Amino acid sequence: SVASTAALLFFLGLISREGATPPAAAAATLAGCGFSIV
């Protein structure tokens, strides 16, 4: 499940629209994970 999710997030990053930056994508991902941990 970890491998599948990492692949999905990777491909979602690949198809991200113009203007998306790696730090912003990582921050959004961490924010979603952080809320889920809470």
ModelCIF file with pLDDT and N, C-alpha, C, O atoms, coordinates in Angstrom:
data_MODEL
#
_entry.id   MODEL 
#
_entity.id                         1 
_entity.type                       polymer 
_entity.pdbx_number_of_molecules   1 
#
_entity_poly.entity_id                      1 
_entity_poly.type                           'polypeptide(L)' 
_entity_poly.nstd_linkage                   no 
_entity_poly.nstd_monomer                   no 
_entity_poly.pdbx_seq_one_letter_code       SVASTAALLFFLGLISREGATPPAAAAATLAGCGFSIV 
_entity_poly.pdbx_seq_one_letter_code_can   SVASTAALLFFLGLISREGATPPAAAAATLAGCGFSIV 
_entity_poly.pdbx_strand_id                 A 
#
loop_
_entity_poly_seq.entity_id 
_entity_poly_seq.num 
_entity_poly_seq.mon_id 
_entity_poly_seq.hetero 
1 1  SER n 
1 2  VAL n 
1 3  ALA n 
1 4  SER n 
1 5  THR n 
1 6  ALA n 
1 7  ALA n 
1 8  LEU n 
1 9  LEU n 
1 10 PHE n 
1 11 PHE n 
1 12 LEU n 
1 13 GLY n 
1 14 LEU n 
1 15 ILE n 
1 16 SER n 
1 17 ARG n 
1 18 GLU n 
1 19 GLY n 
1 20 ALA n 
1 21 THR n 
1 22 PRO n 
1 23 PRO n 
1 24 ALA n 
1 25 ALA n 
1 26 ALA n 
1 27 ALA n 
1 28 ALA n 
1 29 THR n 
1 30 LEU n 
1 31 ALA n 
1 32 GLY n 
1 33 CYS n 
1 34 GLY n 
1 35 PHE n 
1 36 SER n 
1 37 ILE n 
1 38 VAL n 
#
_struct_asym.id          A 
_struct_asym.entity_id   1 
#
loop_
_ma_qa_metric.id 
_ma_qa_metric.mode 
_ma_qa_metric.name 
_ma_qa_metric.software_group_id 
_ma_qa_metric.type 
1 global pLDDT . pLDDT 
2 local  pLDDT . pLDDT 
#
_ma_qa_metric_global.metric_id      1 
_ma_qa_metric_global.metric_value   90.08 
_ma_qa_metric_global.model_id       1 
_ma_qa_metric_global.ordinal_id     1 
#
loop_
_ma_qa_metric_local.label_asym_id 
_ma_qa_metric_local.label_comp_id 
_ma_qa_metric_local.label_seq_id 
_ma_qa_metric_local.metric_id 
_ma_qa_metric_local.metric_value 
_ma_qa_metric_local.model_id 
_ma_qa_metric_local.ordinal_id 
A SER 1  2 87.00 1 1  
A VAL 2  2 92.00 1 2  
A ALA 3  2 92.00 1 3  
A SER 4  2 91.00 1 4  
A THR 5  2 92.00 1 5  
A ALA 6  2 95.00 1 6  
A ALA 7  2 94.00 1 7  
A LEU 8  2 91.00 1 8  
A LEU 9  2 94.00 1 9  
A PHE 10 2 95.00 1 10 
A PHE 11 2 93.00 1 11 
A LEU 12 2 90.00 1 12 
A GLY 13 2 91.00 1 13 
A LEU 14 2 91.00 1 14 
A ILE 15 2 88.00 1 15 
A SER 16 2 82.00 1 16 
A ARG 17 2 69.00 1 17 
A GLU 18 2 60.00 1 18 
A GLY 19 2 69.00 1 19 
A ALA 20 2 80.00 1 20 
A THR 21 2 90.00 1 21 
A PRO 22 2 92.00 1 22 
A PRO 23 2 93.00 1 23 
A ALA 24 2 93.00 1 24 
A ALA 25 2 93.00 1 25 
A ALA 26 2 95.00 1 26 
A ALA 27 2 95.00 1 27 
A ALA 28 2 94.00 1 28 
A THR 29 2 96.00 1 29 
A LEU 30 2 96.00 1 30 
A ALA 31 2 95.00 1 31 
A GLY 32 2 95.00 1 32 
A CYS 33 2 95.00 1 33 
A GLY 34 2 94.00 1 34 
A PHE 35 2 94.00 1 35 
A SER 36 2 93.00 1 36 
A ILE 37 2 93.00 1 37 
A VAL 38 2 91.00 1 38 
#
loop_
_atom_site.group_PDB 
_atom_site.id 
_atom_site.type_symbol 
_atom_site.label_atom_id 
_atom_site.label_alt_id 
_atom_site.label_comp_id 
_atom_site.label_asym_id 
_atom_site.label_entity_id 
_atom_site.label_seq_id 
_atom_site.pdbx_PDB_ins_code 
_atom_site.Cartn_x 
_atom_site.Cartn_y 
_atom_site.Cartn_z 
_atom_site.occupancy 
_atom_site.B_iso_or_equiv 
_atom_site.pdbx_formal_charge 
_atom_site.auth_seq_id 
_atom_site.auth_comp_id 
_atom_site.auth_asym_id 
_atom_site.auth_atom_id 
_atom_site.pdbx_PDB_model_num 
ATOM 1   N N  . SER A 1 1  ? 0.833  -1.211 0.000   1.00 87.00 ? 1  SER A N  1 
ATOM 2   C CA . SER A 1 1  ? 0.000  0.000  0.000   1.00 87.00 ? 1  SER A CA 1 
ATOM 3   C C  . SER A 1 1  ? 0.865  1.258  0.000   1.00 87.00 ? 1  SER A C  1 
ATOM 4   O O  . SER A 1 1  ? 0.515  2.242  -0.651  1.00 87.00 ? 1  SER A O  1 
ATOM 5   N N  . VAL A 1 2  ? 1.982  1.243  0.714   1.00 92.00 ? 2  VAL A N  1 
ATOM 6   C CA . VAL A 1 2  ? 2.886  2.395  0.711   1.00 92.00 ? 2  VAL A CA 1 
ATOM 7   C C  . VAL A 1 2  ? 3.467  2.605  -0.683  1.00 92.00 ? 2  VAL A C  1 
ATOM 8   O O  . VAL A 1 2  ? 3.561  3.738  -1.155  1.00 92.00 ? 2  VAL A O  1 
ATOM 9   N N  . ALA A 1 3  ? 3.853  1.523  -1.336  1.00 92.00 ? 3  ALA A N  1 
ATOM 10  C CA . ALA A 1 3  ? 4.422  1.630  -2.680  1.00 92.00 ? 3  ALA A CA 1 
ATOM 11  C C  . ALA A 1 3  ? 3.396  2.200  -3.661  1.00 92.00 ? 3  ALA A C  1 
ATOM 12  O O  . ALA A 1 3  ? 3.732  3.058  -4.477  1.00 92.00 ? 3  ALA A O  1 
ATOM 13  N N  . SER A 1 4  ? 2.144  1.727  -3.587  1.00 91.00 ? 4  SER A N  1 
ATOM 14  C CA . SER A 1 4  ? 1.105  2.212  -4.503  1.00 91.00 ? 4  SER A CA 1 
ATOM 15  C C  . SER A 1 4  ? 0.803  3.684  -4.264  1.00 91.00 ? 4  SER A C  1 
ATOM 16  O O  . SER A 1 4  ? 0.640  4.448  -5.215  1.00 91.00 ? 4  SER A O  1 
ATOM 17  N N  . THR A 1 5  ? 0.728  4.086  -2.996  1.00 92.00 ? 5  THR A N  1 
ATOM 18  C CA . THR A 1 5  ? 0.432  5.491  -2.689  1.00 92.00 ? 5  THR A CA 1 
ATOM 19  C C  . THR A 1 5  ? 1.575  6.400  -3.137  1.00 92.00 ? 5  THR A C  1 
ATOM 20  O O  . THR A 1 5  ? 1.335  7.470  -3.697  1.00 92.00 ? 5  THR A O  1 
ATOM 21  N N  . ALA A 1 6  ? 2.812  5.978  -2.892  1.00 95.00 ? 6  ALA A N  1 
ATOM 22  C CA . ALA A 1 6  ? 3.954  6.790  -3.330  1.00 95.00 ? 6  ALA A CA 1 
ATOM 23  C C  . ALA A 1 6  ? 3.938  6.961  -4.851  1.00 95.00 ? 6  ALA A C  1 
ATOM 24  O O  . ALA A 1 6  ? 4.224  8.045  -5.360  1.00 95.00 ? 6  ALA A O  1 
ATOM 25  N N  . ALA A 1 7  ? 3.603  5.885  -5.577  1.00 94.00 ? 7  ALA A N  1 
ATOM 26  C CA . ALA A 1 7  ? 3.536  5.981  -7.035  1.00 94.00 ? 7  ALA A CA 1 
ATOM 27  C C  . ALA A 1 7  ? 2.413  6.920  -7.469  1.00 94.00 ? 7  ALA A C  1 
ATOM 28  O O  . ALA A 1 7  ? 2.594  7.728  -8.380  1.00 94.00 ? 7  ALA A O  1 
ATOM 29  N N  . LEU A 1 8  ? 1.245  6.814  -6.813  1.00 91.00 ? 8  LEU A N  1 
ATOM 30  C CA . LEU A 1 8  ? 0.132  7.692  -7.165  1.00 91.00 ? 8  LEU A CA 1 
ATOM 31  C C  . LEU A 1 8  ? 0.496  9.163  -6.948  1.00 91.00 ? 8  LEU A C  1 
ATOM 32  O O  . LEU A 1 8  ? 0.230  9.999  -7.811  1.00 91.00 ? 8  LEU A O  1 
ATOM 33  N N  . LEU A 1 9  ? 1.095  9.481  -5.812  1.00 94.00 ? 9  LEU A N  1 
ATOM 34  C CA . LEU A 1 9  ? 1.484  10.865 -5.537  1.00 94.00 ? 9  LEU A CA 1 
ATOM 35  C C  . LEU A 1 9  ? 2.553  11.348 -6.512  1.00 94.00 ? 9  LEU A C  1 
ATOM 36  O O  . LEU A 1 9  ? 2.561  12.513 -6.911  1.00 94.00 ? 9  LEU A O  1 
ATOM 37  N N  . PHE A 1 10 ? 3.444  10.453 -6.890  1.00 95.00 ? 10 PHE A N  1 
ATOM 38  C CA . PHE A 1 10 ? 4.478  10.809 -7.871  1.00 95.00 ? 10 PHE A CA 1 
ATOM 39  C C  . PHE A 1 10 ? 3.843  11.183 -9.208  1.00 95.00 ? 10 PHE A C  1 
ATOM 40  O O  . PHE A 1 10 ? 4.201  12.195 -9.810  1.00 95.00 ? 10 PHE A O  1 
ATOM 41  N N  . PHE A 1 11 ? 2.898  10.360 -9.669  1.00 93.00 ? 11 PHE A N  1 
ATOM 42  C CA . PHE A 1 11 ? 2.274  10.644 -10.963 1.00 93.00 ? 11 PHE A CA 1 
ATOM 43  C C  . PHE A 1 11 ? 1.351  11.856 -10.888 1.00 93.00 ? 11 PHE A C  1 
ATOM 44  O O  . PHE A 1 11 ? 1.233  12.599 -11.862 1.00 93.00 ? 11 PHE A O  1 
ATOM 45  N N  . LEU A 1 12 ? 0.695  12.068 -9.746  1.00 90.00 ? 12 LEU A N  1 
ATOM 46  C CA . LEU A 1 12 ? -0.081 13.297 -9.574  1.00 90.00 ? 12 LEU A CA 1 
ATOM 47  C C  . LEU A 1 12 ? 0.829  14.513 -9.643  1.00 90.00 ? 12 LEU A C  1 
ATOM 48  O O  . LEU A 1 12 ? 0.436  15.555 -10.167 1.00 90.00 ? 12 LEU A O  1 
ATOM 49  N N  . GLY A 1 13 ? 2.053  14.387 -9.112  1.00 91.00 ? 13 GLY A N  1 
ATOM 50  C CA . GLY A 1 13 ? 3.016  15.472 -9.240  1.00 91.00 ? 13 GLY A CA 1 
ATOM 51  C C  . GLY A 1 13 ? 3.444  15.690 -10.674 1.00 91.00 ? 13 GLY A C  1 
ATOM 52  O O  . GLY A 1 13 ? 3.633  16.829 -11.103 1.00 91.00 ? 13 GLY A O  1 
ATOM 53  N N  . LEU A 1 14 ? 3.600  14.592 -11.431 1.00 91.00 ? 14 LEU A N  1 
ATOM 54  C CA . LEU A 1 14 ? 3.997  14.716 -12.831 1.00 91.00 ? 14 LEU A CA 1 
ATOM 55  C C  . LEU A 1 14 ? 2.950  15.455 -13.662 1.00 91.00 ? 14 LEU A C  1 
ATOM 56  O O  . LEU A 1 14 ? 3.306  16.181 -14.590 1.00 91.00 ? 14 LEU A O  1 
ATOM 57  N N  . ILE A 1 15 ? 1.662  15.283 -13.346 1.00 88.00 ? 15 ILE A N  1 
ATOM 58  C CA . ILE A 1 15 ? 0.613  15.901 -14.155 1.00 88.00 ? 15 ILE A CA 1 
ATOM 59  C C  . ILE A 1 15 ? 0.148  17.225 -13.559 1.00 88.00 ? 15 ILE A C  1 
ATOM 60  O O  . ILE A 1 15 ? -0.827 17.809 -14.031 1.00 88.00 ? 15 ILE A O  1 
ATOM 61  N N  . SER A 1 16 ? 0.842  17.701 -12.521 1.00 82.00 ? 16 SER A N  1 
ATOM 62  C CA . SER A 1 16 ? 0.430  18.949 -11.886 1.00 82.00 ? 16 SER A CA 1 
ATOM 63  C C  . SER A 1 16 ? 0.488  20.098 -12.877 1.00 82.00 ? 16 SER A C  1 
ATOM 64  O O  . SER A 1 16 ? 1.303  20.102 -13.800 1.00 82.00 ? 16 SER A O  1 
ATOM 65  N N  . ARG A 1 17 ? -0.386 21.071 -12.672 1.00 69.00 ? 17 ARG A N  1 
ATOM 66  C CA . ARG A 1 17 ? -0.488 22.206 -13.589 1.00 69.00 ? 17 ARG A CA 1 
ATOM 67  C C  . ARG A 1 17 ? 0.718  23.136 -13.452 1.00 69.00 ? 17 ARG A C  1 
ATOM 68  O O  . ARG A 1 17 ? 1.504  23.057 -12.508 1.00 69.00 ? 17 ARG A O  1 
ATOM 69  N N  . GLU A 1 18 ? 0.817  24.006 -14.429 1.00 60.00 ? 18 GLU A N  1 
ATOM 70  C CA . GLU A 1 18 ? 1.898  24.997 -14.412 1.00 60.00 ? 18 GLU A CA 1 
ATOM 71  C C  . GLU A 1 18 ? 1.814  25.834 -13.127 1.00 60.00 ? 18 GLU A C  1 
ATOM 72  O O  . GLU A 1 18 ? 0.725  26.162 -12.656 1.00 60.00 ? 18 GLU A O  1 
ATOM 73  N N  . GLY A 1 19 ? 2.946  26.159 -12.591 1.00 69.00 ? 19 GLY A N  1 
ATOM 74  C CA . GLY A 1 19 ? 2.983  26.958 -11.378 1.00 69.00 ? 19 GLY A CA 1 
ATOM 75  C C  . GLY A 1 19 ? 3.244  26.147 -10.130 1.00 69.00 ? 19 GLY A C  1 
ATOM 76  O O  . GLY A 1 19 ? 3.636  26.698 -9.101  1.00 69.00 ? 19 GLY A O  1 
ATOM 77  N N  . ALA A 1 20 ? 3.030  24.826 -10.209 1.00 80.00 ? 20 ALA A N  1 
ATOM 78  C CA . ALA A 1 20 ? 3.306  23.973 -9.051  1.00 80.00 ? 20 ALA A CA 1 
ATOM 79  C C  . ALA A 1 20 ? 4.808  23.824 -8.882  1.00 80.00 ? 20 ALA A C  1 
ATOM 80  O O  . ALA A 1 20 ? 5.534  23.665 -9.863  1.00 80.00 ? 20 ALA A O  1 
ATOM 81  N N  . THR A 1 21 ? 5.264  23.874 -7.668  1.00 90.00 ? 21 THR A N  1 
ATOM 82  C CA . THR A 1 21 ? 6.690  23.734 -7.367  1.00 90.00 ? 21 THR A CA 1 
ATOM 83  C C  . THR A 1 21 ? 6.889  22.527 -6.453  1.00 90.00 ? 21 THR A C  1 
ATOM 84  O O  . THR A 1 21 ? 5.979  22.163 -5.709  1.00 90.00 ? 21 THR A O  1 
ATOM 85  N N  . PRO A 1 22 ? 8.077  21.896 -6.500  1.00 92.00 ? 22 PRO A N  1 
ATOM 86  C CA . PRO A 1 22 ? 8.314  20.742 -5.618  1.00 92.00 ? 22 PRO A CA 1 
ATOM 87  C C  . PRO A 1 22 ? 8.103  21.045 -4.140  1.00 92.00 ? 22 PRO A C  1 
ATOM 88  O O  . PRO A 1 22 ? 7.464  20.246 -3.456  1.00 92.00 ? 22 PRO A O  1 
ATOM 89  N N  . PRO A 1 23 ? 8.615  22.179 -3.605  1.00 93.00 ? 23 PRO A N  1 
ATOM 90  C CA . PRO A 1 23 ? 8.368  22.444 -2.181  1.00 93.00 ? 23 PRO A CA 1 
ATOM 91  C C  . PRO A 1 23 ? 6.885  22.581 -1.858  1.00 93.00 ? 23 PRO A C  1 
ATOM 92  O O  . PRO A 1 23 ? 6.431  22.103 -0.819  1.00 93.00 ? 23 PRO A O  1 
ATOM 93  N N  . ALA A 1 24 ? 6.122  23.234 -2.746  1.00 93.00 ? 24 ALA A N  1 
ATOM 94  C CA . ALA A 1 24 ? 4.693  23.402 -2.486  1.00 93.00 ? 24 ALA A CA 1 
ATOM 95  C C  . ALA A 1 24 ? 3.978  22.056 -2.502  1.00 93.00 ? 24 ALA A C  1 
ATOM 96  O O  . ALA A 1 24 ? 3.098  21.812 -1.677  1.00 93.00 ? 24 ALA A O  1 
ATOM 97  N N  . ALA A 1 25 ? 4.350  21.178 -3.438  1.00 93.00 ? 25 ALA A N  1 
ATOM 98  C CA . ALA A 1 25 ? 3.728  19.853 -3.501  1.00 93.00 ? 25 ALA A CA 1 
ATOM 99  C C  . ALA A 1 25 ? 4.060  19.040 -2.263  1.00 93.00 ? 25 ALA A C  1 
ATOM 100 O O  . ALA A 1 25 ? 3.188  18.383 -1.694  1.00 93.00 ? 25 ALA A O  1 
ATOM 101 N N  . ALA A 1 26 ? 5.313  19.082 -1.847  1.00 95.00 ? 26 ALA A N  1 
ATOM 102 C CA . ALA A 1 26 ? 5.709  18.342 -0.643  1.00 95.00 ? 26 ALA A CA 1 
ATOM 103 C C  . ALA A 1 26 ? 5.005  18.890 0.587   1.00 95.00 ? 26 ALA A C  1 
ATOM 104 O O  . ALA A 1 26 ? 4.587  18.128 1.459   1.00 95.00 ? 26 ALA A O  1 
ATOM 105 N N  . ALA A 1 27 ? 4.870  20.231 0.662   1.00 95.00 ? 27 ALA A N  1 
ATOM 106 C CA . ALA A 1 27 ? 4.207  20.840 1.813   1.00 95.00 ? 27 ALA A CA 1 
ATOM 107 C C  . ALA A 1 27 ? 2.742  20.433 1.873   1.00 95.00 ? 27 ALA A C  1 
ATOM 108 O O  . ALA A 1 27 ? 2.228  20.125 2.948   1.00 95.00 ? 27 ALA A O  1 
ATOM 109 N N  . ALA A 1 28 ? 2.057  20.428 0.717   1.00 94.00 ? 28 ALA A N  1 
ATOM 110 C CA . ALA A 1 28 ? 0.651  20.023 0.695   1.00 94.00 ? 28 ALA A CA 1 
ATOM 111 C C  . ALA A 1 28 ? 0.504  18.565 1.117   1.00 94.00 ? 28 ALA A C  1 
ATOM 112 O O  . ALA A 1 28 ? -0.411 18.208 1.860   1.00 94.00 ? 28 ALA A O  1 
ATOM 113 N N  . THR A 1 29 ? 1.414  17.735 0.636   1.00 96.00 ? 29 THR A N  1 
ATOM 114 C CA . THR A 1 29 ? 1.367  16.317 1.007   1.00 96.00 ? 29 THR A CA 1 
ATOM 115 C C  . THR A 1 29 ? 1.592  16.137 2.505   1.00 96.00 ? 29 THR A C  1 
ATOM 116 O O  . THR A 1 29 ? 0.871  15.384 3.160   1.00 96.00 ? 29 THR A O  1 
ATOM 117 N N  . LEU A 1 30 ? 2.583  16.823 3.039   1.00 96.00 ? 30 LEU A N  1 
ATOM 118 C CA . LEU A 1 30 ? 2.851  16.730 4.476   1.00 96.00 ? 30 LEU A CA 1 
ATOM 119 C C  . LEU A 1 30 ? 1.684  17.263 5.303   1.00 96.00 ? 30 LEU A C  1 
ATOM 120 O O  . LEU A 1 30 ? 1.378  16.733 6.371   1.00 96.00 ? 30 LEU A O  1 
ATOM 121 N N  . ALA A 1 31 ? 1.043  18.303 4.808   1.00 95.00 ? 31 ALA A N  1 
ATOM 122 C CA . ALA A 1 31 ? -0.102 18.844 5.542   1.00 95.00 ? 31 ALA A CA 1 
ATOM 123 C C  . ALA A 1 31 ? -1.229 17.819 5.604   1.00 95.00 ? 31 ALA A C  1 
ATOM 124 O O  . ALA A 1 31 ? -1.840 17.625 6.655   1.00 95.00 ? 31 ALA A O  1 
ATOM 125 N N  . GLY A 1 32 ? -1.505 17.161 4.469   1.00 95.00 ? 32 GLY A N  1 
ATOM 126 C CA . GLY A 1 32 ? -2.538 16.128 4.473   1.00 95.00 ? 32 GLY A CA 1 
ATOM 127 C C  . GLY A 1 32 ? -2.187 14.981 5.393   1.00 95.00 ? 32 GLY A C  1 
ATOM 128 O O  . GLY A 1 32 ? -3.046 14.479 6.118   1.00 95.00 ? 32 GLY A O  1 
ATOM 129 N N  . CYS A 1 33 ? -0.919 14.556 5.371   1.00 95.00 ? 33 CYS A N  1 
ATOM 130 C CA . CYS A 1 33 ? -0.477 13.473 6.256   1.00 95.00 ? 33 CYS A CA 1 
ATOM 131 C C  . CYS A 1 33 ? -0.549 13.906 7.717   1.00 95.00 ? 33 CYS A C  1 
ATOM 132 O O  . CYS A 1 33 ? -0.964 13.133 8.580   1.00 95.00 ? 33 CYS A O  1 
ATOM 133 N N  . GLY A 1 34 ? -0.137 15.157 7.991   1.00 94.00 ? 34 GLY A N  1 
ATOM 134 C CA . GLY A 1 34 ? -0.168 15.634 9.371   1.00 94.00 ? 34 GLY A CA 1 
ATOM 135 C C  . GLY A 1 34 ? -1.567 15.658 9.942   1.00 94.00 ? 34 GLY A C  1 
ATOM 136 O O  . GLY A 1 34 ? -1.783 15.248 11.083  1.00 94.00 ? 34 GLY A O  1 
ATOM 137 N N  . PHE A 1 35 ? -2.528 16.138 9.153   1.00 94.00 ? 35 PHE A N  1 
ATOM 138 C CA . PHE A 1 35 ? -3.918 16.127 9.620   1.00 94.00 ? 35 PHE A CA 1 
ATOM 139 C C  . PHE A 1 35 ? -4.396 14.693 9.855   1.00 94.00 ? 35 PHE A C  1 
ATOM 140 O O  . PHE A 1 35 ? -5.102 14.420 10.825  1.00 94.00 ? 35 PHE A O  1 
ATOM 141 N N  . SER A 1 36 ? -4.012 13.792 8.972   1.00 93.00 ? 36 SER A N  1 
ATOM 142 C CA . SER A 1 36 ? -4.413 12.396 9.123   1.00 93.00 ? 36 SER A CA 1 
ATOM 143 C C  . SER A 1 36 ? -3.822 11.776 10.388  1.00 93.00 ? 36 SER A C  1 
ATOM 144 O O  . SER A 1 36 ? -4.488 10.987 11.057  1.00 93.00 ? 36 SER A O  1 
ATOM 145 N N  . ILE A 1 37 ? -2.592 12.123 10.717  1.00 93.00 ? 37 ILE A N  1 
ATOM 146 C CA . ILE A 1 37 ? -1.976 11.620 11.952  1.00 93.00 ? 37 ILE A CA 1 
ATOM 147 C C  . ILE A 1 37 ? -2.745 12.134 13.171  1.00 93.00 ? 37 ILE A C  1 
ATOM 148 O O  . ILE A 1 37 ? -2.944 11.404 14.142  1.00 93.00 ? 37 ILE A O  1 
ATOM 149 N N  . VAL A 1 38 ? -3.177 13.399 13.112  1.00 91.00 ? 38 VAL A N  1 
ATOM 150 C CA . VAL A 1 38 ? -3.978 13.948 14.212  1.00 91.00 ? 38 VAL A CA 1 
ATOM 151 C C  . VAL A 1 38 ? -5.287 13.175 14.353  1.00 91.00 ? 38 VAL A C  1 
ATOM 152 O O  . VAL A 1 38 ? -6.097 13.488 15.225  1.00 91.00 ? 38 VAL A O  1 
#
